[in-house]
Structure formats: structure tokens, C-alpha cells
PDB file of N, CA and C in Angstrom:
ATOM      1  N   MET A   1       6.468 -19.368   6.695  1.00  0.00           N
ATOM      2  CA  MET A   1       6.751 -20.274   7.784  1.00  0.00           C
ATOM      3  C   MET A   1       6.874 -19.527   9.105  1.00  0.00           C
ATOM      4  N   CYS A   2       6.742 -18.233   9.052  1.00  0.00           N
ATOM      5  CA  CYS A   2       6.861 -17.403  10.249  1.00  0.00           C
ATOM      6  C   CYS A   2       5.500 -17.309  10.936  1.00  0.00           C
ATOM      7  N   ALA A   3       5.443 -17.744  12.191  1.00  0.00           N
ATOM      8  CA  ALA A   3       4.182 -17.705  12.926  1.00  0.00           C
ATOM      9  C   ALA A   3       3.672 -16.272  13.102  1.00  0.00           C
ATOM     10  N   LEU A   4       4.571 -15.318  13.300  1.00  0.00           N
ATOM     11  CA  LEU A   4       4.148 -13.920  13.427  1.00  0.00           C
ATOM     12  C   LEU A   4       3.541 -13.427  12.120  1.00  0.00           C
ATOM     13  N   CYS A   5       4.157 -13.768  10.998  1.00  0.00           N
ATOM     14  CA  CYS A   5       3.619 -13.353   9.697  1.00  0.00           C
ATOM     15  C   CYS A   5       2.242 -13.958   9.467  1.00  0.00           C
ATOM     16  N   ASN A   6       2.101 -15.246   9.735  1.00  0.00           N
ATOM     17  CA  ASN A   6       0.807 -15.904   9.576  1.00  0.00           C
ATOM     18  C   ASN A   6      -0.248 -15.266  10.465  1.00  0.00           C
ATOM     19  N   ALA A   7       0.112 -15.022  11.715  1.00  0.00           N
ATOM     20  CA  ALA A   7      -0.833 -14.399  12.641  1.00  0.00           C
ATOM     21  C   ALA A   7      -1.195 -12.988  12.190  1.00  0.00           C
ATOM     22  N   SER A   8      -0.223 -12.264  11.637  1.00  0.00           N
ATOM     23  CA  SER A   8      -0.486 -10.900  11.171  1.00  0.00           C
ATOM     24  C   SER A   8      -1.466 -10.885  10.011  1.00  0.00           C
ATOM     25  N   VAL A   9      -1.285 -11.797   9.058  1.00  0.00           N
ATOM     26  CA  VAL A   9      -2.221 -11.885   7.928  1.00  0.00           C
ATOM     27  C   VAL A   9      -3.622 -12.182   8.453  1.00  0.00           C
ATOM     28  N   ASN A  10      -3.730 -13.159   9.328  1.00  0.00           N
ATOM     29  CA  ASN A  10      -5.037 -13.505   9.884  1.00  0.00           C
ATOM     30  C   ASN A  10      -5.647 -12.325  10.644  1.00  0.00           C
ATOM     31  N   PHE A  11      -4.832 -11.620  11.393  1.00  0.00           N
ATOM     32  CA  PHE A  11      -5.306 -10.459  12.162  1.00  0.00           C
ATOM     33  C   PHE A  11      -5.836  -9.373  11.223  1.00  0.00           C
ATOM     34  N   ILE A  12      -5.095  -9.086  10.174  1.00  0.00           N
ATOM     35  CA  ILE A  12      -5.515  -8.056   9.218  1.00  0.00           C
ATOM     36  C   ILE A  12      -6.834  -8.444   8.566  1.00  0.00           C
ATOM     37  N   LEU A  13      -6.955  -9.695   8.146  1.00  0.00           N
ATOM     38  CA  LEU A  13      -8.195 -10.149   7.518  1.00  0.00           C
ATOM     39  C   LEU A  13      -9.367 -10.136   8.491  1.00  0.00           C
ATOM     40  N   ASP A  14      -9.108 -10.404   9.757  1.00  0.00           N
ATOM     41  CA  ASP A  14     -10.168 -10.425  10.763  1.00  0.00           C
ATOM     42  C   ASP A  14     -10.586  -9.028  11.233  1.00  0.00           C
ATOM     43  N   HIS A  15      -9.761  -8.015  10.963  1.00  0.00           N
ATOM     44  CA  HIS A  15     -10.029  -6.684  11.506  1.00  0.00           C
ATOM     45  C   HIS A  15     -10.163  -5.609  10.440  1.00  0.00           C
ATOM     46  N   GLY A  16     -10.723  -5.974   9.318  1.00  0.00           N
ATOM     47  CA  GLY A  16     -11.076  -4.960   8.337  1.00  0.00           C
ATOM     48  C   GLY A  16     -10.360  -5.031   7.020  1.00  0.00           C
ATOM     49  N   GLY A  17      -9.380  -5.892   6.880  1.00  0.00           N
ATOM     50  CA  GLY A  17      -8.616  -5.926   5.647  1.00  0.00           C
ATOM     51  C   GLY A  17      -9.064  -6.971   4.646  1.00  0.00           C
ATOM     52  N   THR A  18     -10.225  -7.568   4.850  1.00  0.00           N
ATOM     53  CA  THR A  18     -10.663  -8.694   4.028  1.00  0.00           C
ATOM     54  C   THR A  18     -10.725  -8.357   2.543  1.00  0.00           C
ATOM     55  N   ASN A  19     -11.325  -7.242   2.184  1.00  0.00           N
ATOM     56  CA  ASN A  19     -11.489  -6.914   0.773  1.00  0.00           C
ATOM     57  C   ASN A  19     -10.475  -5.895   0.271  1.00  0.00           C
ATOM     58  N   ARG A  20      -9.536  -5.544   1.090  1.00  0.00           N
ATOM     59  CA  ARG A  20      -8.589  -4.484   0.745  1.00  0.00           C
ATOM     60  C   ARG A  20      -7.221  -5.019   0.349  1.00  0.00           C
ATOM     61  N   PHE A  21      -6.820  -6.130   0.914  1.00  0.00           N
ATOM     62  CA  PHE A  21      -5.452  -6.608   0.743  1.00  0.00           C
ATOM     63  C   PHE A  21      -5.403  -8.003   0.141  1.00  0.00           C
ATOM     64  N   ASP A  22      -4.390  -8.202  -0.693  1.00  0.00           N
ATOM     65  CA  ASP A  22      -4.033  -9.532  -1.181  1.00  0.00           C
ATOM     66  C   ASP A  22      -2.672  -9.845  -0.583  1.00  0.00           C
ATOM     67  N   PHE A  23      -2.483 -11.064  -0.160  1.00  0.00           N
ATOM     68  CA  PHE A  23      -1.232 -11.455   0.476  1.00  0.00           C
ATOM     69  C   PHE A  23      -0.525 -12.490  -0.368  1.00  0.00           C
ATOM     70  N   GLU A  24       0.762 -12.443  -0.328  1.00  0.00           N
ATOM     71  CA  GLU A  24       1.581 -13.360  -1.091  1.00  0.00           C
ATOM     72  C   GLU A  24       2.877 -13.576  -0.312  1.00  0.00           C
ATOM     73  N   PRO A  25       3.331 -14.815  -0.139  1.00  0.00           N
ATOM     74  CA  PRO A  25       4.631 -15.030   0.501  1.00  0.00           C
ATOM     75  C   PRO A  25       5.734 -14.386  -0.335  1.00  0.00           C
ATOM     76  N   LEU A  26       6.689 -13.762   0.302  1.00  0.00           N
ATOM     77  CA  LEU A  26       7.775 -13.097  -0.426  1.00  0.00           C
ATOM     78  C   LEU A  26       8.552 -14.067  -1.307  1.00  0.00           C
ATOM     79  N   GLN A  27       8.544 -15.338  -0.957  1.00  0.00           N
ATOM     80  CA  GLN A  27       9.292 -16.327  -1.715  1.00  0.00           C
ATOM     81  C   GLN A  27       8.547 -16.790  -2.968  1.00  0.00           C
ATOM     82  N   SER A  28       7.279 -16.439  -3.118  1.00  0.00           N
ATOM     83  CA  SER A  28       6.484 -16.928  -4.239  1.00  0.00           C
ATOM     84  C   SER A  28       6.922 -16.274  -5.552  1.00  0.00           C
ATOM     85  N   PRO A  29       6.702 -16.957  -6.661  1.00  0.00           N
ATOM     86  CA  PRO A  29       7.048 -16.369  -7.961  1.00  0.00           C
ATOM     87  C   PRO A  29       6.329 -15.036  -8.213  1.00  0.00           C
ATOM     88  N   ARG A  30       5.071 -14.933  -7.817  1.00  0.00           N
ATOM     89  CA  ARG A  30       4.331 -13.681  -8.025  1.00  0.00           C
ATOM     90  C   ARG A  30       4.961 -12.539  -7.236  1.00  0.00           C
ATOM     91  N   ALA A  31       5.285 -12.773  -5.982  1.00  0.00           N
ATOM     92  CA  ALA A  31       5.905 -11.722  -5.169  1.00  0.00           C
ATOM     93  C   ALA A  31       7.269 -11.345  -5.725  1.00  0.00           C
ATOM     94  N   GLN A  32       8.043 -12.320  -6.129  1.00  0.00           N
ATOM     95  CA  GLN A  32       9.360 -12.036  -6.694  1.00  0.00           C
ATOM     96  C   GLN A  32       9.236 -11.170  -7.949  1.00  0.00           C
ATOM     97  N   SER A  33       8.251 -11.472  -8.780  1.00  0.00           N
ATOM     98  CA  SER A  33       8.019 -10.688  -9.990  1.00  0.00           C
ATOM     99  C   SER A  33       7.621  -9.247  -9.658  1.00  0.00           C
ATOM    100  N   LEU A  34       6.747  -9.089  -8.670  1.00  0.00           N
ATOM    101  CA  LEU A  34       6.335  -7.740  -8.263  1.00  0.00           C
ATOM    102  C   LEU A  34       7.505  -6.951  -7.696  1.00  0.00           C
ATOM    103  N   LEU A  35       8.321  -7.588  -6.881  1.00  0.00           N
ATOM    104  CA  LEU A  35       9.471  -6.894  -6.305  1.00  0.00           C
ATOM    105  C   LEU A  35      10.445  -6.436  -7.393  1.00  0.00           C
ATOM    106  N   LEU A  36      10.658  -7.282  -8.371  1.00  0.00           N
ATOM    107  CA  LEU A  36      11.533  -6.900  -9.475  1.00  0.00           C
ATOM    108  C   LEU A  36      10.929  -5.751 -10.282  1.00  0.00           C
ATOM    109  N   ARG A  37       9.625  -5.802 -10.501  1.00  0.00           N
ATOM    110  CA  ARG A  37       8.947  -4.737 -11.245  1.00  0.00           C
ATOM    111  C   ARG A  37       9.099  -3.395 -10.544  1.00  0.00           C
ATOM    112  N   TYR A  38       9.083  -3.416  -9.216  1.00  0.00           N
ATOM    113  CA  TYR A  38       9.216  -2.179  -8.445  1.00  0.00           C
ATOM    114  C   TYR A  38      10.665  -1.893  -8.063  1.00  0.00           C
ATOM    115  N   ARG A  39      11.583  -2.624  -8.671  1.00  0.00           N
ATOM    116  CA  ARG A  39      13.026  -2.419  -8.488  1.00  0.00           C
ATOM    117  C   ARG A  39      13.475  -2.580  -7.034  1.00  0.00           C
ATOM    118  N   VAL A  40      12.908  -3.572  -6.394  1.00  0.00           N
ATOM    119  CA  VAL A  40      13.323  -3.916  -5.041  1.00  0.00           C
ATOM    120  C   VAL A  40      14.115  -5.205  -5.149  1.00  0.00           C
ATOM    121  N   ASN A  41      15.268  -5.241  -4.536  1.00  0.00           N
ATOM    122  CA  ASN A  41      16.120  -6.411  -4.587  1.00  0.00           C
ATOM    123  C   ASN A  41      15.543  -7.491  -3.667  1.00  0.00           C
ATOM    124  N   PRO A  42      14.868  -8.494  -4.234  1.00  0.00           N
ATOM    125  CA  PRO A  42      14.178  -9.487  -3.397  1.00  0.00           C
ATOM    126  C   PRO A  42      15.016 -10.132  -2.307  1.00  0.00           C
ATOM    127  N   PRO A  43      16.281 -10.508  -2.559  1.00  0.00           N
ATOM    128  CA  PRO A  43      17.028 -11.157  -1.465  1.00  0.00           C
ATOM    129  C   PRO A  43      17.259 -10.254  -0.257  1.00  0.00           C
ATOM    130  N   THR A  44      17.145  -8.950  -0.424  1.00  0.00           N
ATOM    131  CA  THR A  44      17.382  -8.055   0.709  1.00  0.00           C
ATOM    132  C   THR A  44      16.125  -7.797   1.524  1.00  0.00           C
ATOM    133  N   ILE A  45      14.976  -8.261   1.050  1.00  0.00           N
ATOM    134  CA  ILE A  45      13.712  -8.015   1.737  1.00  0.00           C
ATOM    135  C   ILE A  45      13.415  -9.179   2.676  1.00  0.00           C
ATOM    136  N   ASP A  46      13.186  -8.865   3.927  1.00  0.00           N
ATOM    137  CA  ASP A  46      12.818  -9.877   4.910  1.00  0.00           C
ATOM    138  C   ASP A  46      11.798  -9.258   5.852  1.00  0.00           C
ATOM    139  N   GLY A  47      10.694  -8.856   5.299  1.00  0.00           N
ATOM    140  CA  GLY A  47       9.659  -8.234   6.104  1.00  0.00           C
ATOM    141  C   GLY A  47       8.490  -7.851   5.225  1.00  0.00           C
ATOM    142  N   ILE A  48       7.596  -7.111   5.789  1.00  0.00           N
ATOM    143  CA  ILE A  48       6.368  -6.757   5.100  1.00  0.00           C
ATOM    144  C   ILE A  48       6.628  -5.766   3.967  1.00  0.00           C
ATOM    145  N   VAL A  49       5.938  -5.988   2.869  1.00  0.00           N
ATOM    146  CA  VAL A  49       5.997  -5.119   1.707  1.00  0.00           C
ATOM    147  C   VAL A  49       4.557  -4.788   1.332  1.00  0.00           C
ATOM    148  N   LEU A  50       4.283  -3.530   1.119  1.00  0.00           N
ATOM    149  CA  LEU A  50       2.950  -3.097   0.692  1.00  0.00           C
ATOM    150  C   LEU A  50       3.085  -2.353  -0.618  1.00  0.00           C
ATOM    151  N   ILE A  51       2.319  -2.777  -1.606  1.00  0.00           N
ATOM    152  CA  ILE A  51       2.231  -2.038  -2.858  1.00  0.00           C
ATOM    153  C   ILE A  51       0.858  -1.380  -2.845  1.00  0.00           C
ATOM    154  N   GLU A  52       0.881  -0.062  -2.859  1.00  0.00           N
ATOM    155  CA  GLU A  52      -0.354   0.711  -2.738  1.00  0.00           C
ATOM    156  C   GLU A  52      -0.276   1.887  -3.708  1.00  0.00           C
ATOM    157  N   ASP A  53      -1.286   2.009  -4.542  1.00  0.00           N
ATOM    158  CA  ASP A  53      -1.317   3.102  -5.518  1.00  0.00           C
ATOM    159  C   ASP A  53      -0.030   3.164  -6.334  1.00  0.00           C
ATOM    160  N   ARG A  54       0.443   1.987  -6.740  1.00  0.00           N
ATOM    161  CA  ARG A  54       1.649   1.854  -7.565  1.00  0.00           C
ATOM    162  C   ARG A  54       2.923   2.360  -6.893  1.00  0.00           C
ATOM    163  N   ARG A  55       2.897   2.432  -5.568  1.00  0.00           N
ATOM    164  CA  ARG A  55       4.085   2.786  -4.786  1.00  0.00           C
ATOM    165  C   ARG A  55       4.370   1.643  -3.833  1.00  0.00           C
ATOM    166  N   ILE A  56       5.641   1.442  -3.553  1.00  0.00           N
ATOM    167  CA  ILE A  56       6.029   0.353  -2.664  1.00  0.00           C
ATOM    168  C   ILE A  56       6.422   0.928  -1.306  1.00  0.00           C
ATOM    169  N   HIS A  57       5.955   0.271  -0.263  1.00  0.00           N
ATOM    170  CA  HIS A  57       6.263   0.674   1.110  1.00  0.00           C
ATOM    171  C   HIS A  57       6.832  -0.543   1.829  1.00  0.00           C
ATOM    172  N   LEU A  58       7.845  -0.314   2.647  1.00  0.00           N
ATOM    173  CA  LEU A  58       8.528  -1.401   3.336  1.00  0.00           C
ATOM    174  C   LEU A  58       8.474  -1.208   4.846  1.00  0.00           C
ATOM    175  N   ARG A  59       8.639  -2.311   5.540  1.00  0.00           N
ATOM    176  CA  ARG A  59       8.839  -2.359   6.986  1.00  0.00           C
ATOM    177  C   ARG A  59       7.760  -1.604   7.759  1.00  0.00           C
ATOM    178  N   SER A  60       8.154  -0.716   8.649  1.00  0.00           N
ATOM    179  CA  SER A  60       7.174  -0.057   9.521  1.00  0.00           C
ATOM    180  C   SER A  60       6.211   0.825   8.740  1.00  0.00           C
ATOM    181  N   THR A  61       6.662   1.408   7.645  1.00  0.00           N
ATOM    182  CA  THR A  61       5.769   2.242   6.840  1.00  0.00           C
ATOM    183  C   THR A  61       4.661   1.385   6.244  1.00  0.00           C
ATOM    184  N   ALA A  62       5.010   0.215   5.746  1.00  0.00           N
ATOM    185  CA  ALA A  62       3.999  -0.695   5.206  1.00  0.00           C
ATOM    186  C   ALA A  62       3.001  -1.102   6.288  1.00  0.00           C
ATOM    187  N   ALA A  63       3.508  -1.464   7.461  1.00  0.00           N
ATOM    188  CA  ALA A  63       2.628  -1.895   8.552  1.00  0.00           C
ATOM    189  C   ALA A  63       1.664  -0.787   8.966  1.00  0.00           C
ATOM    190  N   LEU A  64       2.164   0.426   9.091  1.00  0.00           N
ATOM    191  CA  LEU A  64       1.300   1.526   9.520  1.00  0.00           C
ATOM    192  C   LEU A  64       0.310   1.934   8.435  1.00  0.00           C
ATOM    193  N   ARG A  65       0.692   1.832   7.183  1.00  0.00           N
ATOM    194  CA  ARG A  65      -0.239   2.144   6.104  1.00  0.00           C
ATOM    195  C   ARG A  65      -1.345   1.090   6.041  1.00  0.00           C
ATOM    196  N   ILE A  66      -1.044  -0.133   6.414  1.00  0.00           N
ATOM    197  CA  ILE A  66      -2.080  -1.166   6.507  1.00  0.00           C
ATOM    198  C   ILE A  66      -3.037  -0.836   7.645  1.00  0.00           C
ATOM    199  N   CYS A  67      -2.504  -0.357   8.754  1.00  0.00           N
ATOM    200  CA  CYS A  67      -3.339  -0.039   9.921  1.00  0.00           C
ATOM    201  C   CYS A  67      -4.448   0.941   9.581  1.00  0.00           C
ATOM    202  N   LYS A  68      -4.193   1.885   8.693  1.00  0.00           N
ATOM    203  CA  LYS A  68      -5.207   2.901   8.389  1.00  0.00           C
ATOM    204  C   LYS A  68      -6.466   2.294   7.786  1.00  0.00           C
ATOM    205  N   ASP A  69      -6.362   1.084   7.245  1.00  0.00           N
ATOM    206  CA  ASP A  69      -7.522   0.421   6.652  1.00  0.00           C
ATOM    207  C   ASP A  69      -8.172  -0.618   7.566  1.00  0.00           C
ATOM    208  N   LEU A  70      -7.707  -0.710   8.801  1.00  0.00           N
ATOM    209  CA  LEU A  70      -8.307  -1.642   9.752  1.00  0.00           C
ATOM    210  C   LEU A  70      -9.455  -0.961  10.489  1.00  0.00           C
ATOM    211  N   ASN A  71     -10.225  -1.772  11.177  1.00  0.00           N
ATOM    212  CA  ASN A  71     -11.342  -1.246  11.961  1.00  0.00           C
ATOM    213  C   ASN A  71     -10.837  -0.371  13.098  1.00  0.00           C
ATOM    214  N   TRP A  72     -11.668   0.570  13.505  1.00  0.00           N
ATOM    215  CA  TRP A  72     -11.379   1.426  14.653  1.00  0.00           C
ATOM    216  C   TRP A  72     -11.363   0.561  15.892  1.00  0.00           C
ATOM    217  N   PRO A  73     -10.529   0.733  16.858  1.00  0.00           N
ATOM    218  CA  PRO A  73      -9.529   1.771  17.058  1.00  0.00           C
ATOM    219  C   PRO A  73      -8.161   1.432  16.459  1.00  0.00           C
ATOM    220  N   LEU A  74      -8.039   0.263  15.830  1.00  0.00           N
ATOM    221  CA  LEU A  74      -6.746  -0.132  15.261  1.00  0.00           C
ATOM    222  C   LEU A  74      -6.253   0.865  14.217  1.00  0.00           C
ATOM    223  N   ALA A  75      -7.179   1.480  13.499  1.00  0.00           N
ATOM    224  CA  ALA A  75      -6.801   2.460  12.475  1.00  0.00           C
ATOM    225  C   ALA A  75      -6.026   3.630  13.074  1.00  0.00           C
ATOM    226  N   ALA A  76      -6.243   3.908  14.354  1.00  0.00           N
ATOM    227  CA  ALA A  76      -5.545   5.018  15.009  1.00  0.00           C
ATOM    228  C   ALA A  76      -4.033   4.793  15.055  1.00  0.00           C
ATOM    229  N   LEU A  77      -3.602   3.532  14.996  1.00  0.00           N
ATOM    230  CA  LEU A  77      -2.164   3.246  15.001  1.00  0.00           C
ATOM    231  C   LEU A  77      -1.462   3.872  13.794  1.00  0.00           C
ATOM    232  N   ALA A  78      -2.205   4.124  12.725  1.00  0.00           N
ATOM    233  CA  ALA A  78      -1.616   4.742  11.536  1.00  0.00           C
ATOM    234  C   ALA A  78      -1.038   6.113  11.860  1.00  0.00           C
ATOM    235  N   GLY A  79      -1.516   6.746  12.917  1.00  0.00           N
ATOM    236  CA  GLY A  79      -0.986   8.039  13.325  1.00  0.00           C
ATOM    237  C   GLY A  79       0.477   7.995  13.718  1.00  0.00           C
ATOM    238  N   LEU A  80       0.981   6.815  14.027  1.00  0.00           N
ATOM    239  CA  LEU A  80       2.397   6.678  14.376  1.00  0.00           C
ATOM    240  C   LEU A  80       3.315   6.945  13.188  1.00  0.00           C
ATOM    241  N   ILE A  81       2.728   7.106  12.015  1.00  0.00           N
ATOM    242  CA  ILE A  81       3.523   7.383  10.819  1.00  0.00           C
ATOM    243  C   ILE A  81       4.272   8.709  10.934  1.00  0.00           C
ATOM    244  N   VAL A  82       3.847   9.571  11.864  1.00  0.00           N
ATOM    245  CA  VAL A  82       4.533  10.860  12.051  1.00  0.00           C
ATOM    246  C   VAL A  82       5.926  10.677  12.667  1.00  0.00           C
ATOM    247  N   ILE A  83       6.156   9.541  13.302  1.00  0.00           N
ATOM    248  CA  ILE A  83       7.491   9.240  13.823  1.00  0.00           C
ATOM    249  C   ILE A  83       8.385   8.942  12.621  1.00  0.00           C
ATOM    250  N   PRO A  84       9.551   9.533  12.547  1.00  0.00           N
ATOM    251  CA  PRO A  84      10.421   9.297  11.396  1.00  0.00           C
ATOM    252  C   PRO A  84      10.699   7.806  11.173  1.00  0.00           C
ATOM    253  N   ALA A  85      10.686   7.406   9.908  1.00  0.00           N
ATOM    254  CA  ALA A  85      10.867   5.993   9.547  1.00  0.00           C
ATOM    255  C   ALA A  85      12.140   5.373  10.134  1.00  0.00           C
ATOM    256  N   PRO A  86      13.268   6.066  10.157  1.00  0.00           N
ATOM    257  CA  PRO A  86      14.456   5.417  10.739  1.00  0.00           C
ATOM    258  C   PRO A  86      14.262   5.014  12.201  1.00  0.00           C
ATOM    259  N   ILE A  87      13.504   5.786  12.941  1.00  0.00           N
ATOM    260  CA  ILE A  87      13.232   5.439  14.341  1.00  0.00           C
ATOM    261  C   ILE A  87      12.253   4.278  14.407  1.00  0.00           C
ATOM    262  N   ARG A  88      11.172   4.351  13.618  1.00  0.00           N
ATOM    263  CA  ARG A  88      10.183   3.268  13.588  1.00  0.00           C
ATOM    264  C   ARG A  88      10.823   1.962  13.148  1.00  0.00           C
ATOM    265  N   ASP A  89      11.722   2.048  12.167  1.00  0.00           N
ATOM    266  CA  ASP A  89      12.317   0.827  11.620  1.00  0.00           C
ATOM    267  C   ASP A  89      13.294   0.160  12.583  1.00  0.00           C
ATOM    268  N   ILE A  90      13.850   0.905  13.513  1.00  0.00           N
ATOM    269  CA  ILE A  90      14.682   0.280  14.549  1.00  0.00           C
ATOM    270  C   ILE A  90      13.832  -0.695  15.354  1.00  0.00           C
ATOM    271  N   ILE A  91      12.644  -0.280  15.727  1.00  0.00           N
ATOM    272  CA  ILE A  91      11.725  -1.146  16.486  1.00  0.00           C
ATOM    273  C   ILE A  91      11.253  -2.301  15.609  1.00  0.00           C
ATOM    274  N   TYR A  92      10.884  -1.990  14.364  1.00  0.00           N
ATOM    275  CA  TYR A  92      10.440  -3.017  13.429  1.00  0.00           C
ATOM    276  C   TYR A  92      11.524  -4.082  13.253  1.00  0.00           C
ATOM    277  N   ASP A  93      12.757  -3.640  13.016  1.00  0.00           N
ATOM    278  CA  ASP A  93      13.860  -4.576  12.799  1.00  0.00           C
ATOM    279  C   ASP A  93      14.163  -5.419  14.038  1.00  0.00           C
ATOM    280  N   TRP A  94      14.008  -4.839  15.210  1.00  0.00           N
ATOM    281  CA  TRP A  94      14.229  -5.583  16.457  1.00  0.00           C
ATOM    282  C   TRP A  94      13.192  -6.702  16.592  1.00  0.00           C
ATOM    283  N   ILE A  95      11.935  -6.382  16.301  1.00  0.00           N
ATOM    284  CA  ILE A  95      10.886  -7.408  16.346  1.00  0.00           C
ATOM    285  C   ILE A  95      11.159  -8.469  15.284  1.00  0.00           C
ATOM    286  N   ALA A  96      11.493  -8.039  14.062  1.00  0.00           N
ATOM    287  CA  ALA A  96      11.763  -8.986  12.974  1.00  0.00           C
ATOM    288  C   ALA A  96      12.931  -9.909  13.303  1.00  0.00           C
ATOM    289  N   ALA A  97      13.961  -9.381  13.922  1.00  0.00           N
ATOM    290  CA  ALA A  97      15.136 -10.184  14.260  1.00  0.00           C
ATOM    291  C   ALA A  97      14.833 -11.232  15.322  1.00  0.00           C
ATOM    292  N   ASN A  98      13.821 -11.001  16.118  1.00  0.00           N
ATOM    293  CA  ASN A  98      13.487 -11.919  17.213  1.00  0.00           C
ATOM    294  C   ASN A  98      12.204 -12.700  16.980  1.00  0.00           C
ATOM    295  N   ARG A  99      11.591 -12.560  15.834  1.00  0.00           N
ATOM    296  CA  ARG A  99      10.255 -13.136  15.615  1.00  0.00           C
ATOM    297  C   ARG A  99      10.221 -14.649  15.753  1.00  0.00           C
ATOM    298  N   TYR A 100      11.224 -15.348  15.273  1.00  0.00           N
ATOM    299  CA  TYR A 100      11.205 -16.809  15.385  1.00  0.00           C
ATOM    300  C   TYR A 100      11.372 -17.248  16.832  1.00  0.00           C
ATOM    301  N   ARG A 101      12.225 -16.550  17.561  1.00  0.00           N
ATOM    302  CA  ARG A 101      12.451 -16.904  18.964  1.00  0.00           C
ATOM    303  C   ARG A 101      11.200 -16.642  19.800  1.00  0.00           C
ATOM    304  N   TRP A 102      10.514 -15.507  19.533  1.00  0.00           N
ATOM    305  CA  TRP A 102       9.342 -15.123  20.320  1.00  0.00           C
ATOM    306  C   TRP A 102       8.056 -15.817  19.872  1.00  0.00           C
ATOM    307  N   PHE A 103       7.893 -15.997  18.557  1.00  0.00           N
ATOM    308  CA  PHE A 103       6.615 -16.494  18.038  1.00  0.00           C
ATOM    309  C   PHE A 103       6.710 -17.873  17.406  1.00  0.00           C
ATOM    310  N   GLY A 104       7.932 -18.310  17.086  1.00  0.00           N
ATOM    311  CA  GLY A 104       8.120 -19.637  16.514  1.00  0.00           C
ATOM    312  C   GLY A 104       7.898 -19.677  15.019  1.00  0.00           C
ATOM    313  N   LYS A 105       7.943 -20.908  14.503  1.00  0.00           N
ATOM    314  CA  LYS A 105       7.732 -21.159  13.082  1.00  0.00           C
ATOM    315  C   LYS A 105       6.561 -22.107  12.933  1.00  0.00           C
ATOM    316  N   THR A 106       5.959 -22.080  11.760  1.00  0.00           N
ATOM    317  CA  THR A 106       4.889 -23.026  11.456  1.00  0.00           C
ATOM    318  C   THR A 106       5.463 -24.145  10.602  1.00  0.00           C
ATOM    319  N   ASP A 107       4.712 -25.218  10.477  1.00  0.00           N
ATOM    320  CA  ASP A 107       5.147 -26.337   9.644  1.00  0.00           C
ATOM    321  C   ASP A 107       4.933 -26.061   8.162  1.00  0.00           C
ATOM    322  N   GLY A 108       4.199 -25.056   7.865  1.00  0.00           N
ATOM    323  CA  GLY A 108       3.905 -24.712   6.474  1.00  0.00           C
ATOM    324  C   GLY A 108       3.041 -23.462   6.466  1.00  0.00           C
ATOM    325  N   PRO A 109       2.675 -22.999   5.283  1.00  0.00           N
ATOM    326  CA  PRO A 109       1.852 -21.795   5.216  1.00  0.00           C
ATOM    327  C   PRO A 109       0.465 -22.060   5.780  1.00  0.00           C
ATOM    328  N   THR A 110       0.146 -21.387   6.873  1.00  0.00           N
ATOM    329  CA  THR A 110      -1.143 -21.581   7.517  1.00  0.00           C
ATOM    330  C   THR A 110      -2.005 -20.332   7.476  1.00  0.00           C
ATOM    331  N   CYS A 111      -1.457 -19.239   6.985  1.00  0.00           N
ATOM    332  CA  CYS A 111      -2.257 -18.012   6.938  1.00  0.00           C
ATOM    333  C   CYS A 111      -3.243 -18.087   5.777  1.00  0.00           C
ATOM    334  N   ARG A 112      -4.238 -17.277   5.841  1.00  0.00           N
ATOM    335  CA  ARG A 112      -5.286 -17.251   4.840  1.00  0.00           C
ATOM    336  C   ARG A 112      -4.862 -16.331   3.682  1.00  0.00           C
ATOM    337  N   ILE A 113      -3.932 -16.807   2.903  1.00  0.00           N
ATOM    338  CA  ILE A 113      -3.470 -16.008   1.764  1.00  0.00           C
ATOM    339  C   ILE A 113      -4.580 -15.962   0.740  1.00  0.00           C
ATOM    340  N   ARG A 114      -4.922 -14.755   0.356  1.00  0.00           N
ATOM    341  CA  ARG A 114      -5.963 -14.527  -0.650  1.00  0.00           C
ATOM    342  C   ARG A 114      -5.319 -13.685  -1.735  1.00  0.00           C
ATOM    343  N   SER A 115      -5.093 -14.286  -2.857  1.00  0.00           N
ATOM    344  CA  SER A 115      -4.423 -13.590  -3.943  1.00  0.00           C
ATOM    345  C   SER A 115      -5.381 -13.456  -5.109  1.00  0.00           C
ATOM    346  N   ALA A 116      -5.718 -12.218  -5.469  1.00  0.00           N
ATOM    347  CA  ALA A 116      -6.670 -11.971  -6.536  1.00  0.00           C
ATOM    348  C   ALA A 116      -6.094 -12.261  -7.909  1.00  0.00           C
ATOM    349  N   ASN A 117      -4.787 -12.120  -8.062  1.00  0.00           N
ATOM    350  CA  ASN A 117      -4.141 -12.302  -9.360  1.00  0.00           C
ATOM    351  C   ASN A 117      -3.030 -13.325  -9.250  1.00  0.00           C
ATOM    352  N   PRO A 118      -3.366 -14.615  -9.352  1.00  0.00           N
ATOM    353  CA  PRO A 118      -2.344 -15.644  -9.186  1.00  0.00           C
ATOM    354  C   PRO A 118      -1.237 -15.536 -10.213  1.00  0.00           C
TER     355      PRO A 118
END
């Protein structure tokens, strides 16, 4: 229901992530099952989660690891991973805390969720 989340999924799919990523709302049964499998406490997660090579990445690390698979020059943003995660996550958390105020909410899921394994 987050307009920023929906826009982000659409942006990733439009800029190189079409065949690389599957998206799932964190509230979905599939996402909840994956989070439990990776020993992540689902109620504490309120942001992007990336499962890559059987490792889980959260928040700014997940976002930057996604960037590396986008079209150039967006892939260059992945270089920001050299900034320590606690510093990156301060910015990530600030954006996340204000996302509804800045970007609003949708009436329902409008992003192009493509899930290979329902």
C-alpha cells in the first residue's frame, strides 16, 4: 500500500531488473515463510528485503545490492556500499519513516509484482 514501494518495484523492473528479481509484499504468506526460513523476525521488518545467493540483506544494503543489477548509470549507485551500513541505514530509516507523508499510500497493490514461485 506504500506508493514509494510500488514506484520502486516499477522502477526496478523498468531499469534492468525484469528477469532478475521476484517481488512479494512483506505481508504475504510467501514472504512471511521466507523471512522465517532465514530467521528474520517478520514483525520487525518494515522495509526492503533481498534474498540473494541464500543470504538475506536488509534496508540500505538490499537497495544497493539491487542497484548493481540495474542498467548503467544506475548500477554505479551500488558503489555507495562502501559507506558503512549504520550510516547508510540512518538515511534509509529517515526516508522510510517519512514515506507515507512524502509519497502517500495507494488504494491497493498497484506494483507489478512478479513472483516465480507462488
